[in-house]
Amino acid sequence: MVNAFLVLAAEEAEKSETIFFVIGCLFAAWAILIGTLGMRSETFPKDRGATTAVIGVSVLLAVATGAAIIYVSN
Protein backbone atom coordinates (compact mmCIF):
# COMPACT_ATOMS: atom_id res chain seq x y z
CA MET A 1 0.00 0.00 0.00
CA VAL A 2 2.76 2.43 0.93
CA ASN A 3 4.68 1.43 -2.17
CA ALA A 4 1.69 2.35 -4.35
CA PHE A 5 1.56 5.81 -2.78
CA LEU A 6 5.29 6.30 -3.34
CA VAL A 7 5.00 5.31 -7.00
CA LEU A 8 2.02 7.62 -7.45
CA ALA A 9 3.88 10.51 -5.78
CA ALA A 10 6.94 9.92 -7.97
CA GLU A 11 4.83 9.96 -11.13
CA GLU A 12 3.14 13.21 -10.10
CA ALA A 13 6.50 14.81 -9.26
CA GLU A 14 7.88 14.25 -12.78
CA LYS A 15 7.50 17.24 -15.06
CA SER A 16 5.86 16.76 -18.41
CA GLU A 17 8.12 17.00 -21.45
CA THR A 18 5.24 18.15 -23.63
CA ILE A 19 6.22 21.83 -23.41
CA PHE A 20 9.69 21.02 -24.74
CA PHE A 21 8.33 18.98 -27.64
CA VAL A 22 5.80 21.67 -28.61
CA ILE A 23 8.33 24.51 -28.55
CA GLY A 24 10.97 22.35 -30.24
CA CYS A 25 8.56 21.46 -33.06
CA LEU A 26 7.66 25.13 -33.50
CA PHE A 27 11.37 25.99 -33.68
CA ALA A 28 11.98 23.25 -36.26
CA ALA A 29 9.01 24.37 -38.35
CA TRP A 30 10.27 27.97 -38.19
CA ALA A 31 13.72 26.87 -39.35
CA ILE A 32 12.23 24.97 -42.30
CA LEU A 33 10.04 27.95 -43.24
CA ILE A 34 12.93 30.41 -43.08
CA GLY A 35 15.20 28.04 -45.01
CA THR A 36 12.62 27.53 -47.72
CA LEU A 37 11.89 31.23 -48.07
CA GLY A 38 15.60 32.02 -48.11
CA MET A 39 16.30 29.55 -50.90
CA ARG A 40 13.39 30.77 -53.04
CA SER A 41 14.20 34.47 -52.86
CA GLU A 42 17.55 36.23 -53.11
CA THR A 43 16.21 39.28 -51.29
CA PHE A 44 14.62 37.56 -48.29
CA PRO A 45 13.95 39.33 -45.98
CA LYS A 46 13.27 42.43 -48.04
CA ASP A 47 13.88 45.25 -45.55
CA ARG A 48 15.49 45.96 -42.19
CA GLY A 49 12.23 45.58 -40.27
CA ALA A 50 11.60 42.11 -41.67
CA THR A 51 15.19 41.11 -40.91
CA THR A 52 14.79 42.28 -37.32
CA ALA A 53 11.53 40.34 -37.00
CA VAL A 54 13.05 37.12 -38.36
CA ILE A 55 16.03 37.42 -36.02
CA GLY A 56 13.76 38.27 -33.08
CA VAL A 57 11.46 35.29 -33.60
CA SER A 58 14.45 32.99 -34.08
CA VAL A 59 16.13 34.16 -30.88
CA LEU A 60 12.85 33.97 -28.96
CA LEU A 61 12.26 30.39 -30.07
CA ALA A 62 15.86 29.41 -29.26
CA VAL A 63 15.62 30.89 -25.75
CA ALA A 64 12.20 29.33 -25.17
CA THR A 65 13.50 25.90 -26.22
CA GLY A 66 16.50 26.26 -23.90
CA ALA A 67 14.26 27.36 -21.04
CA ALA A 68 11.98 24.37 -21.64
CA ILE A 69 14.98 22.03 -21.47
CA ILE A 70 16.05 23.55 -18.16
CA TYR A 71 12.50 23.40 -16.79
CA VAL A 72 12.02 19.74 -17.69
CA SER A 73 15.45 18.66 -16.45
CA ASN A 74 15.02 20.13 -12.95
PDB file of N, CA and C in Angstrom:
ATOM      1  N   MET A   1       0.827  -1.193   0.000  1.00  0.00           N
ATOM      2  CA  MET A   1       0.000   0.000   0.000  1.00  0.00           C
ATOM      3  C   MET A   1       0.872   1.259   0.000  1.00  0.00           C
ATOM      4  N   VAL A   2       1.865   1.281   0.876  1.00  0.00           N
ATOM      5  CA  VAL A   2       2.764   2.434   0.934  1.00  0.00           C
ATOM      6  C   VAL A   2       3.545   2.554  -0.368  1.00  0.00           C
ATOM      7  N   ASN A   3       3.946   1.415  -0.915  1.00  0.00           N
ATOM      8  CA  ASN A   3       4.681   1.427  -2.175  1.00  0.00           C
ATOM      9  C   ASN A   3       3.848   2.052  -3.296  1.00  0.00           C
ATOM     10  N   ALA A   4       2.564   1.779  -3.329  1.00  0.00           N
ATOM     11  CA  ALA A   4       1.689   2.349  -4.350  1.00  0.00           C
ATOM     12  C   ALA A   4       1.624   3.867  -4.223  1.00  0.00           C
ATOM     13  N   PHE A   5       1.572   4.361  -2.987  1.00  0.00           N
ATOM     14  CA  PHE A   5       1.562   5.808  -2.780  1.00  0.00           C
ATOM     15  C   PHE A   5       2.883   6.444  -3.204  1.00  0.00           C
ATOM     16  N   LEU A   6       3.993   5.772  -2.948  1.00  0.00           N
ATOM     17  CA  LEU A   6       5.294   6.299  -3.340  1.00  0.00           C
ATOM     18  C   LEU A   6       5.432   6.350  -4.861  1.00  0.00           C
ATOM     19  N   VAL A   7       4.957   5.328  -5.533  1.00  0.00           N
ATOM     20  CA  VAL A   7       5.001   5.308  -6.996  1.00  0.00           C
ATOM     21  C   VAL A   7       4.115   6.416  -7.562  1.00  0.00           C
ATOM     22  N   LEU A   8       2.939   6.577  -6.995  1.00  0.00           N
ATOM     23  CA  LEU A   8       2.022   7.619  -7.453  1.00  0.00           C
ATOM     24  C   LEU A   8       2.628   9.011  -7.222  1.00  0.00           C
ATOM     25  N   ALA A   9       3.255   9.217  -6.074  1.00  0.00           N
ATOM     26  CA  ALA A   9       3.883  10.507  -5.781  1.00  0.00           C
ATOM     27  C   ALA A   9       5.053  10.775  -6.734  1.00  0.00           C
ATOM     28  N   ALA A  10       5.817   9.751  -7.056  1.00  0.00           N
ATOM     29  CA  ALA A  10       6.942   9.923  -7.970  1.00  0.00           C
ATOM     30  C   ALA A  10       6.459  10.271  -9.372  1.00  0.00           C
ATOM     31  N   GLU A  11       5.371   9.663  -9.812  1.00  0.00           N
ATOM     32  CA  GLU A  11       4.832   9.961 -11.134  1.00  0.00           C
ATOM     33  C   GLU A  11       4.286  11.384 -11.204  1.00  0.00           C
ATOM     34  N   GLU A  12       3.678  11.858 -10.117  1.00  0.00           N
ATOM     35  CA  GLU A  12       3.143  13.211 -10.101  1.00  0.00           C
ATOM     36  C   GLU A  12       4.261  14.243 -10.011  1.00  0.00           C
ATOM     37  N   ALA A  13       5.394  13.872  -9.421  1.00  0.00           N
ATOM     38  CA  ALA A  13       6.500  14.806  -9.261  1.00  0.00           C
ATOM     39  C   ALA A  13       7.260  15.027 -10.572  1.00  0.00           C
ATOM     40  N   GLU A  14       7.189  14.097 -11.505  1.00  0.00           N
ATOM     41  CA  GLU A  14       7.885  14.249 -12.778  1.00  0.00           C
ATOM     42  C   GLU A  14       7.217  15.337 -13.612  1.00  0.00           C
ATOM     43  N   LYS A  15       8.036  16.165 -14.230  1.00  0.00           N
ATOM     44  CA  LYS A  15       7.505  17.237 -15.062  1.00  0.00           C
ATOM     45  C   LYS A  15       7.260  16.704 -16.469  1.00  0.00           C
ATOM     46  N   SER A  16       6.205  17.181 -17.061  1.00  0.00           N
ATOM     47  CA  SER A  16       5.856  16.757 -18.408  1.00  0.00           C
ATOM     48  C   SER A  16       6.824  17.352 -19.421  1.00  0.00           C
ATOM     49  N   GLU A  17       7.217  16.562 -20.392  1.00  0.00           N
ATOM     50  CA  GLU A  17       8.123  17.005 -21.446  1.00  0.00           C
ATOM     51  C   GLU A  17       7.368  17.597 -22.631  1.00  0.00           C
ATOM     52  N   THR A  18       6.064  17.681 -22.523  1.00  0.00           N
ATOM     53  CA  THR A  18       5.238  18.152 -23.627  1.00  0.00           C
ATOM     54  C   THR A  18       5.621  19.565 -24.052  1.00  0.00           C
ATOM     55  N   ILE A  19       5.875  20.441 -23.093  1.00  0.00           N
ATOM     56  CA  ILE A  19       6.222  21.827 -23.414  1.00  0.00           C
ATOM     57  C   ILE A  19       7.480  21.889 -24.275  1.00  0.00           C
ATOM     58  N   PHE A  20       8.459  21.043 -23.955  1.00  0.00           N
ATOM     59  CA  PHE A  20       9.692  21.022 -24.740  1.00  0.00           C
ATOM     60  C   PHE A  20       9.419  20.548 -26.162  1.00  0.00           C
ATOM     61  N   PHE A  21       8.617  19.505 -26.304  1.00  0.00           N
ATOM     62  CA  PHE A  21       8.328  18.985 -27.636  1.00  0.00           C
ATOM     63  C   PHE A  21       7.530  19.983 -28.478  1.00  0.00           C
ATOM     64  N   VAL A  22       6.598  20.691 -27.871  1.00  0.00           N
ATOM     65  CA  VAL A  22       5.795  21.672 -28.605  1.00  0.00           C
ATOM     66  C   VAL A  22       6.678  22.822 -29.089  1.00  0.00           C
ATOM     67  N   ILE A  23       7.477  23.388 -28.170  1.00  0.00           N
ATOM     68  CA  ILE A  23       8.335  24.511 -28.553  1.00  0.00           C
ATOM     69  C   ILE A  23       9.412  24.052 -29.537  1.00  0.00           C
ATOM     70  N   GLY A  24       9.962  22.871 -29.322  1.00  0.00           N
ATOM     71  CA  GLY A  24      10.968  22.345 -30.244  1.00  0.00           C
ATOM     72  C   GLY A  24      10.415  22.134 -31.647  1.00  0.00           C
ATOM     73  N   CYS A  25       9.192  21.642 -31.735  1.00  0.00           N
ATOM     74  CA  CYS A  25       8.565  21.460 -33.060  1.00  0.00           C
ATOM     75  C   CYS A  25       8.283  22.801 -33.724  1.00  0.00           C
ATOM     76  N   LEU A  26       7.861  23.795 -32.943  1.00  0.00           N
ATOM     77  CA  LEU A  26       7.663  25.133 -33.503  1.00  0.00           C
ATOM     78  C   LEU A  26       8.979  25.707 -34.022  1.00  0.00           C
ATOM     79  N   PHE A  27      10.051  25.500 -33.276  1.00  0.00           N
ATOM     80  CA  PHE A  27      11.369  25.992 -33.682  1.00  0.00           C
ATOM     81  C   PHE A  27      11.821  25.291 -34.961  1.00  0.00           C
ATOM     82  N   ALA A  28      11.602  23.997 -35.050  1.00  0.00           N
ATOM     83  CA  ALA A  28      11.981  23.253 -36.260  1.00  0.00           C
ATOM     84  C   ALA A  28      11.152  23.705 -37.464  1.00  0.00           C
ATOM     85  N   ALA A  29       9.863  23.907 -37.261  1.00  0.00           N
ATOM     86  CA  ALA A  29       9.006  24.373 -38.354  1.00  0.00           C
ATOM     87  C   ALA A  29       9.428  25.775 -38.806  1.00  0.00           C
ATOM     88  N   TRP A  30       9.782  26.634 -37.857  1.00  0.00           N
ATOM     89  CA  TRP A  30      10.266  27.971 -38.189  1.00  0.00           C
ATOM     90  C   TRP A  30      11.547  27.892 -39.026  1.00  0.00           C
ATOM     91  N   ALA A  31      12.455  27.025 -38.626  1.00  0.00           N
ATOM     92  CA  ALA A  31      13.721  26.870 -39.355  1.00  0.00           C
ATOM     93  C   ALA A  31      13.474  26.390 -40.778  1.00  0.00           C
ATOM     94  N   ILE A  32      12.556  25.463 -40.951  1.00  0.00           N
ATOM     95  CA  ILE A  32      12.230  24.966 -42.296  1.00  0.00           C
ATOM     96  C   ILE A  32      11.600  26.075 -43.133  1.00  0.00           C
ATOM     97  N   LEU A  33      10.690  26.842 -42.530  1.00  0.00           N
ATOM     98  CA  LEU A  33      10.044  27.947 -43.244  1.00  0.00           C
ATOM     99  C   LEU A  33      11.068  28.999 -43.673  1.00  0.00           C
ATOM    100  N   ILE A  34      11.927  29.400 -42.768  1.00  0.00           N
ATOM    101  CA  ILE A  34      12.935  30.411 -43.077  1.00  0.00           C
ATOM    102  C   ILE A  34      13.912  29.885 -44.136  1.00  0.00           C
ATOM    103  N   GLY A  35      14.302  28.635 -44.016  1.00  0.00           N
ATOM    104  CA  GLY A  35      15.204  28.044 -45.008  1.00  0.00           C
ATOM    105  C   GLY A  35      14.580  27.987 -46.386  1.00  0.00           C
ATOM    106  N   THR A  36      13.325  27.608 -46.443  1.00  0.00           N
ATOM    107  CA  THR A  36      12.623  27.534 -47.719  1.00  0.00           C
ATOM    108  C   THR A  36      12.471  28.919 -48.347  1.00  0.00           C
ATOM    109  N   LEU A  37      12.037  29.871 -47.541  1.00  0.00           N
ATOM    110  CA  LEU A  37      11.891  31.234 -48.072  1.00  0.00           C
ATOM    111  C   LEU A  37      13.231  31.814 -48.501  1.00  0.00           C
ATOM    112  N   GLY A  38      14.280  31.526 -47.763  1.00  0.00           N
ATOM    113  CA  GLY A  38      15.604  32.025 -48.109  1.00  0.00           C
ATOM    114  C   GLY A  38      16.146  31.431 -49.392  1.00  0.00           C
ATOM    115  N   MET A  39      15.827  30.175 -49.657  1.00  0.00           N
ATOM    116  CA  MET A  39      16.300  29.548 -50.900  1.00  0.00           C
ATOM    117  C   MET A  39      15.499  29.992 -52.118  1.00  0.00           C
ATOM    118  N   ARG A  40      14.237  30.372 -51.913  1.00  0.00           N
ATOM    119  CA  ARG A  40      13.394  30.765 -53.036  1.00  0.00           C
ATOM    120  C   ARG A  40      13.601  32.211 -53.462  1.00  0.00           C
ATOM    121  N   SER A  41      14.079  33.051 -52.555  1.00  0.00           N
ATOM    122  CA  SER A  41      14.202  34.473 -52.857  1.00  0.00           C
ATOM    123  C   SER A  41      15.589  34.981 -52.470  1.00  0.00           C
ATOM    124  N   GLU A  42      16.226  35.675 -53.388  1.00  0.00           N
ATOM    125  CA  GLU A  42      17.547  36.227 -53.111  1.00  0.00           C
ATOM    126  C   GLU A  42      17.485  37.415 -52.159  1.00  0.00           C
ATOM    127  N   THR A  43      16.334  38.068 -52.103  1.00  0.00           N
ATOM    128  CA  THR A  43      16.207  39.281 -51.288  1.00  0.00           C
ATOM    129  C   THR A  43      15.420  39.056 -50.001  1.00  0.00           C
ATOM    130  N   PHE A  44      15.358  37.830 -49.532  1.00  0.00           N
ATOM    131  CA  PHE A  44      14.623  37.558 -48.290  1.00  0.00           C
ATOM    132  C   PHE A  44      15.531  37.788 -47.107  1.00  0.00           C
ATOM    133  N   PRO A  45      15.100  38.428 -46.096  1.00  0.00           N
ATOM    134  CA  PRO A  45      13.954  39.334 -45.982  1.00  0.00           C
ATOM    135  C   PRO A  45      14.222  40.657 -46.695  1.00  0.00           C
ATOM    136  N   LYS A  46      13.150  41.295 -47.114  1.00  0.00           N
ATOM    137  CA  LYS A  46      13.273  42.426 -48.040  1.00  0.00           C
ATOM    138  C   LYS A  46      13.807  43.706 -47.398  1.00  0.00           C
ATOM    139  N   ASP A  47      13.433  43.994 -46.168  1.00  0.00           N
ATOM    140  CA  ASP A  47      13.882  45.246 -45.546  1.00  0.00           C
ATOM    141  C   ASP A  47      14.406  45.005 -44.135  1.00  0.00           C
ATOM    142  N   ARG A  48      14.872  46.068 -43.510  1.00  0.00           N
ATOM    143  CA  ARG A  48      15.485  45.958 -42.192  1.00  0.00           C
ATOM    144  C   ARG A  48      14.486  45.506 -41.123  1.00  0.00           C
ATOM    145  N   GLY A  49      13.251  45.971 -41.233  1.00  0.00           N
ATOM    146  CA  GLY A  49      12.229  45.580 -40.266  1.00  0.00           C
ATOM    147  C   GLY A  49      11.932  44.087 -40.316  1.00  0.00           C
ATOM    148  N   ALA A  50      11.843  43.546 -41.514  1.00  0.00           N
ATOM    149  CA  ALA A  50      11.597  42.113 -41.667  1.00  0.00           C
ATOM    150  C   ALA A  50      12.784  41.300 -41.154  1.00  0.00           C
ATOM    151  N   THR A  51      13.990  41.798 -41.407  1.00  0.00           N
ATOM    152  CA  THR A  51      15.188  41.112 -40.910  1.00  0.00           C
ATOM    153  C   THR A  51      15.187  41.077 -39.392  1.00  0.00           C
ATOM    154  N   THR A  52      14.848  42.204 -38.777  1.00  0.00           N
ATOM    155  CA  THR A  52      14.789  42.280 -37.319  1.00  0.00           C
ATOM    156  C   THR A  52      13.725  41.326 -36.776  1.00  0.00           C
ATOM    157  N   ALA A  53      12.595  41.238 -37.454  1.00  0.00           N
ATOM    158  CA  ALA A  53      11.527  40.342 -37.005  1.00  0.00           C
ATOM    159  C   ALA A  53      11.954  38.877 -37.097  1.00  0.00           C
ATOM    160  N   VAL A  54      12.596  38.501 -38.181  1.00  0.00           N
ATOM    161  CA  VAL A  54      13.054  37.119 -38.359  1.00  0.00           C
ATOM    162  C   VAL A  54      14.077  36.761 -37.282  1.00  0.00           C
ATOM    163  N   ILE A  55      15.015  37.665 -37.050  1.00  0.00           N
ATOM    164  CA  ILE A  55      16.028  37.420 -36.018  1.00  0.00           C
ATOM    165  C   ILE A  55      15.373  37.346 -34.643  1.00  0.00           C
ATOM    166  N   GLY A  56      14.444  38.252 -34.377  1.00  0.00           N
ATOM    167  CA  GLY A  56      13.761  38.270 -33.078  1.00  0.00           C
ATOM    168  C   GLY A  56      12.988  36.993 -32.795  1.00  0.00           C
ATOM    169  N   VAL A  57      12.226  36.533 -33.775  1.00  0.00           N
ATOM    170  CA  VAL A  57      11.460  35.292 -33.597  1.00  0.00           C
ATOM    171  C   VAL A  57      12.402  34.109 -33.427  1.00  0.00           C
ATOM    172  N   SER A  58      13.483  34.086 -34.186  1.00  0.00           N
ATOM    173  CA  SER A  58      14.446  32.987 -34.079  1.00  0.00           C
ATOM    174  C   SER A  58      15.097  32.945 -32.701  1.00  0.00           C
ATOM    175  N   VAL A  59      15.513  34.108 -32.211  1.00  0.00           N
ATOM    176  CA  VAL A  59      16.132  34.165 -30.878  1.00  0.00           C
ATOM    177  C   VAL A  59      15.114  33.803 -29.805  1.00  0.00           C
ATOM    178  N   LEU A  60      13.899  34.294 -29.935  1.00  0.00           N
ATOM    179  CA  LEU A  60      12.848  33.973 -28.961  1.00  0.00           C
ATOM    180  C   LEU A  60      12.586  32.474 -28.899  1.00  0.00           C
ATOM    181  N   LEU A  61      12.486  31.827 -30.041  1.00  0.00           N
ATOM    182  CA  LEU A  61      12.256  30.385 -30.069  1.00  0.00           C
ATOM    183  C   LEU A  61      13.455  29.608 -29.514  1.00  0.00           C
ATOM    184  N   ALA A  62      14.664  30.069 -29.784  1.00  0.00           N
ATOM    185  CA  ALA A  62      15.857  29.406 -29.259  1.00  0.00           C
ATOM    186  C   ALA A  62      15.900  29.513 -27.732  1.00  0.00           C
ATOM    187  N   VAL A  63      15.621  30.691 -27.206  1.00  0.00           N
ATOM    188  CA  VAL A  63      15.622  30.890 -25.750  1.00  0.00           C
ATOM    189  C   VAL A  63      14.496  30.092 -25.092  1.00  0.00           C
ATOM    190  N   ALA A  64      13.334  30.083 -25.721  1.00  0.00           N
ATOM    191  CA  ALA A  64      12.204  29.327 -25.167  1.00  0.00           C
ATOM    192  C   ALA A  64      12.499  27.829 -25.148  1.00  0.00           C
ATOM    193  N   THR A  65      13.134  27.319 -26.184  1.00  0.00           N
ATOM    194  CA  THR A  65      13.503  25.905 -26.217  1.00  0.00           C
ATOM    195  C   THR A  65      14.515  25.586 -25.133  1.00  0.00           C
ATOM    196  N   GLY A  66      15.512  26.450 -24.967  1.00  0.00           N
ATOM    197  CA  GLY A  66      16.498  26.255 -23.898  1.00  0.00           C
ATOM    198  C   GLY A  66      15.869  26.310 -22.520  1.00  0.00           C
ATOM    199  N   ALA A  67      14.951  27.255 -22.320  1.00  0.00           N
ATOM    200  CA  ALA A  67      14.259  27.358 -21.043  1.00  0.00           C
ATOM    201  C   ALA A  67      13.413  26.119 -20.768  1.00  0.00           C
ATOM    202  N   ALA A  68      12.789  25.585 -21.800  1.00  0.00           N
ATOM    203  CA  ALA A  68      11.982  24.374 -21.636  1.00  0.00           C
ATOM    204  C   ALA A  68      12.862  23.178 -21.251  1.00  0.00           C
ATOM    205  N   ILE A  69      14.049  23.110 -21.828  1.00  0.00           N
ATOM    206  CA  ILE A  69      14.978  22.033 -21.473  1.00  0.00           C
ATOM    207  C   ILE A  69      15.355  22.137 -20.001  1.00  0.00           C
ATOM    208  N   ILE A  70      15.669  23.355 -19.561  1.00  0.00           N
ATOM    209  CA  ILE A  70      16.052  23.555 -18.159  1.00  0.00           C
ATOM    210  C   ILE A  70      14.878  23.229 -17.244  1.00  0.00           C
ATOM    211  N   TYR A  71      13.672  23.665 -17.602  1.00  0.00           N
ATOM    212  CA  TYR A  71      12.497  23.400 -16.788  1.00  0.00           C
ATOM    213  C   TYR A  71      12.228  21.901 -16.637  1.00  0.00           C
ATOM    214  N   VAL A  72      12.316  21.181 -17.732  1.00  0.00           N
ATOM    215  CA  VAL A  72      12.019  19.745 -17.695  1.00  0.00           C
ATOM    216  C   VAL A  72      13.100  18.972 -16.950  1.00  0.00           C
ATOM    217  N   SER A  73      14.351  19.420 -17.059  1.00  0.00           N
ATOM    218  CA  SER A  73      15.445  18.662 -16.454  1.00  0.00           C
ATOM    219  C   SER A  73      15.524  18.836 -14.938  1.00  0.00           C
ATOM    220  N   ASN A  74      14.966  19.918 -14.409  1.00  0.00           N
ATOM    221  CA  ASN A  74      15.019  20.135 -12.950  1.00  0.00           C
ATOM    222  C   ASN A  74      13.907  19.458 -12.237  1.00  0.00           C
TER     223      ASN A  74
END
